Amino acid sequence: MTKPSSNSPWAMAGRYLQLATLLPACVVAGYAIGYYLDKLFGTSFLYIVFLIFGIVGGFIELIREVQKDQE
């Protein structure tokens, strides 16, 4: 079986779709973790901390993917 070309339109569409969903997925995951930890421990600030972690993690991964794409 042959490997699809990285320049095919479908491969590029998949790559850009991944980049478009990467940041929102990280933000939602960070918020959800913080929300459930707040419920578990009875606090009201962990969702903000994990939301920030999700945003930072999403941007780091987005930068890594863009740099990988430029090489």
C-alpha atoms as a PDB file:
ATOM      1  CA  MET A   1       0.000   0.000   0.000  1.00  0.00           C
ATOM      2  CA  THR A   2       1.403   3.398  -0.917  1.00  0.00           C
ATOM      3  CA  LYS A   3       1.656   6.288   1.488  1.00  0.00           C
ATOM      4  CA  PRO A   4      -0.435   9.298   0.394  1.00  0.00           C
ATOM      5  CA  SER A   5       1.520  12.302  -0.769  1.00  0.00           C
ATOM      6  CA  SER A   6       1.809  15.099   1.762  1.00  0.00           C
ATOM      7  CA  ASN A   7       0.994  17.576  -1.007  1.00  0.00           C
ATOM      8  CA  SER A   8      -2.351  16.009  -1.882  1.00  0.00           C
ATOM      9  CA  PRO A   9      -5.353  18.239  -1.274  1.00  0.00           C
ATOM     10  CA  TRP A  10      -6.886  15.777   1.202  1.00  0.00           C
ATOM     11  CA  ALA A  11      -3.714  15.527   3.260  1.00  0.00           C
ATOM     12  CA  MET A  12      -3.387  19.306   3.419  1.00  0.00           C
ATOM     13  CA  ALA A  13      -7.065  19.696   4.336  1.00  0.00           C
ATOM     14  CA  GLY A  14      -6.629  17.186   7.142  1.00  0.00           C
ATOM     15  CA  ARG A  15      -3.528  18.981   8.378  1.00  0.00           C
ATOM     16  CA  TYR A  16      -5.258  22.366   8.494  1.00  0.00           C
ATOM     17  CA  LEU A  17      -8.344  20.853  10.122  1.00  0.00           C
ATOM     18  CA  GLN A  18      -6.095  19.439  12.822  1.00  0.00           C
ATOM     19  CA  LEU A  19      -4.539  22.851  13.406  1.00  0.00           C
ATOM     20  CA  ALA A  20      -7.985  24.484  13.536  1.00  0.00           C
ATOM     21  CA  THR A  21      -9.257  22.115  16.221  1.00  0.00           C
ATOM     22  CA  LEU A  22      -6.066  21.851  18.269  1.00  0.00           C
ATOM     23  CA  LEU A  23      -6.340  25.057  20.296  1.00  0.00           C
ATOM     24  CA  PRO A  24     -10.068  24.840  21.115  1.00  0.00           C
ATOM     25  CA  ALA A  25      -9.681  21.198  22.163  1.00  0.00           C
ATOM     26  CA  CYS A  26      -6.849  22.056  24.556  1.00  0.00           C
ATOM     27  CA  VAL A  27      -8.813  24.948  26.042  1.00  0.00           C
ATOM     28  CA  VAL A  28     -11.938  22.826  26.564  1.00  0.00           C
ATOM     29  CA  ALA A  29      -9.904  19.981  28.086  1.00  0.00           C
ATOM     30  CA  GLY A  30      -8.157  22.362  30.496  1.00  0.00           C
ATOM     31  CA  TYR A  31     -11.431  23.944  31.540  1.00  0.00           C
ATOM     32  CA  ALA A  32     -13.115  20.569  32.038  1.00  0.00           C
ATOM     33  CA  ILE A  33     -10.275  19.261  34.213  1.00  0.00           C
ATOM     34  CA  GLY A  34     -10.354  22.410  36.344  1.00  0.00           C
ATOM     35  CA  TYR A  35     -14.140  22.349  36.615  1.00  0.00           C
ATOM     36  CA  TYR A  36     -14.226  18.764  37.853  1.00  0.00           C
ATOM     37  CA  LEU A  37     -11.355  19.362  40.271  1.00  0.00           C
ATOM     38  CA  ASP A  38     -13.257  22.370  41.633  1.00  0.00           C
ATOM     39  CA  LYS A  39     -16.298  20.164  42.195  1.00  0.00           C
ATOM     40  CA  LEU A  40     -14.157  17.442  43.796  1.00  0.00           C
ATOM     41  CA  PHE A  41     -12.274  19.710  46.206  1.00  0.00           C
ATOM     42  CA  GLY A  42     -14.983  22.343  46.753  1.00  0.00           C
ATOM     43  CA  THR A  43     -12.848  25.197  45.431  1.00  0.00           C
ATOM     44  CA  SER A  44     -13.681  27.905  42.914  1.00  0.00           C
ATOM     45  CA  PHE A  45     -10.389  28.843  41.280  1.00  0.00           C
ATOM     46  CA  LEU A  46      -8.937  25.673  39.769  1.00  0.00           C
ATOM     47  CA  TYR A  47     -10.944  26.015  36.561  1.00  0.00           C
ATOM     48  CA  ILE A  48      -9.131  29.290  35.841  1.00  0.00           C
ATOM     49  CA  VAL A  49      -5.712  27.741  36.501  1.00  0.00           C
ATOM     50  CA  PHE A  50      -6.376  24.756  34.252  1.00  0.00           C
ATOM     51  CA  LEU A  51      -7.988  26.960  31.624  1.00  0.00           C
ATOM     52  CA  ILE A  52      -4.749  28.943  31.453  1.00  0.00           C
ATOM     53  CA  PHE A  53      -2.765  25.675  31.303  1.00  0.00           C
ATOM     54  CA  GLY A  54      -4.970  24.551  28.405  1.00  0.00           C
ATOM     55  CA  ILE A  55      -4.478  27.809  26.521  1.00  0.00           C
ATOM     56  CA  VAL A  56      -0.702  27.752  27.007  1.00  0.00           C
ATOM     57  CA  GLY A  57      -0.489  24.072  26.100  1.00  0.00           C
ATOM     58  CA  GLY A  58      -2.591  24.635  22.997  1.00  0.00           C
ATOM     59  CA  PHE A  59      -0.409  27.483  21.799  1.00  0.00           C
ATOM     60  CA  ILE A  60       2.772  25.489  22.432  1.00  0.00           C
ATOM     61  CA  GLU A  61       1.453  22.545  20.440  1.00  0.00           C
ATOM     62  CA  LEU A  62       0.191  24.863  17.686  1.00  0.00           C
ATOM     63  CA  ILE A  63       3.635  26.472  17.381  1.00  0.00           C
ATOM     64  CA  ARG A  64       5.282  23.034  17.264  1.00  0.00           C
ATOM     65  CA  GLU A  65       2.983  21.879  14.480  1.00  0.00           C
ATOM     66  CA  VAL A  66       3.499  25.066  12.441  1.00  0.00           C
ATOM     67  CA  GLN A  67       7.286  24.789  12.814  1.00  0.00           C
ATOM     68  CA  LYS A  68       7.105  21.137  11.747  1.00  0.00           C
ATOM     69  CA  ASP A  69       5.074  22.212   8.709  1.00  0.00           C
ATOM     70  CA  GLN A  70       7.668  24.836   7.706  1.00  0.00           C
ATOM     71  CA  GLU A  71      10.570  22.366   7.688  1.00  0.00           C
END
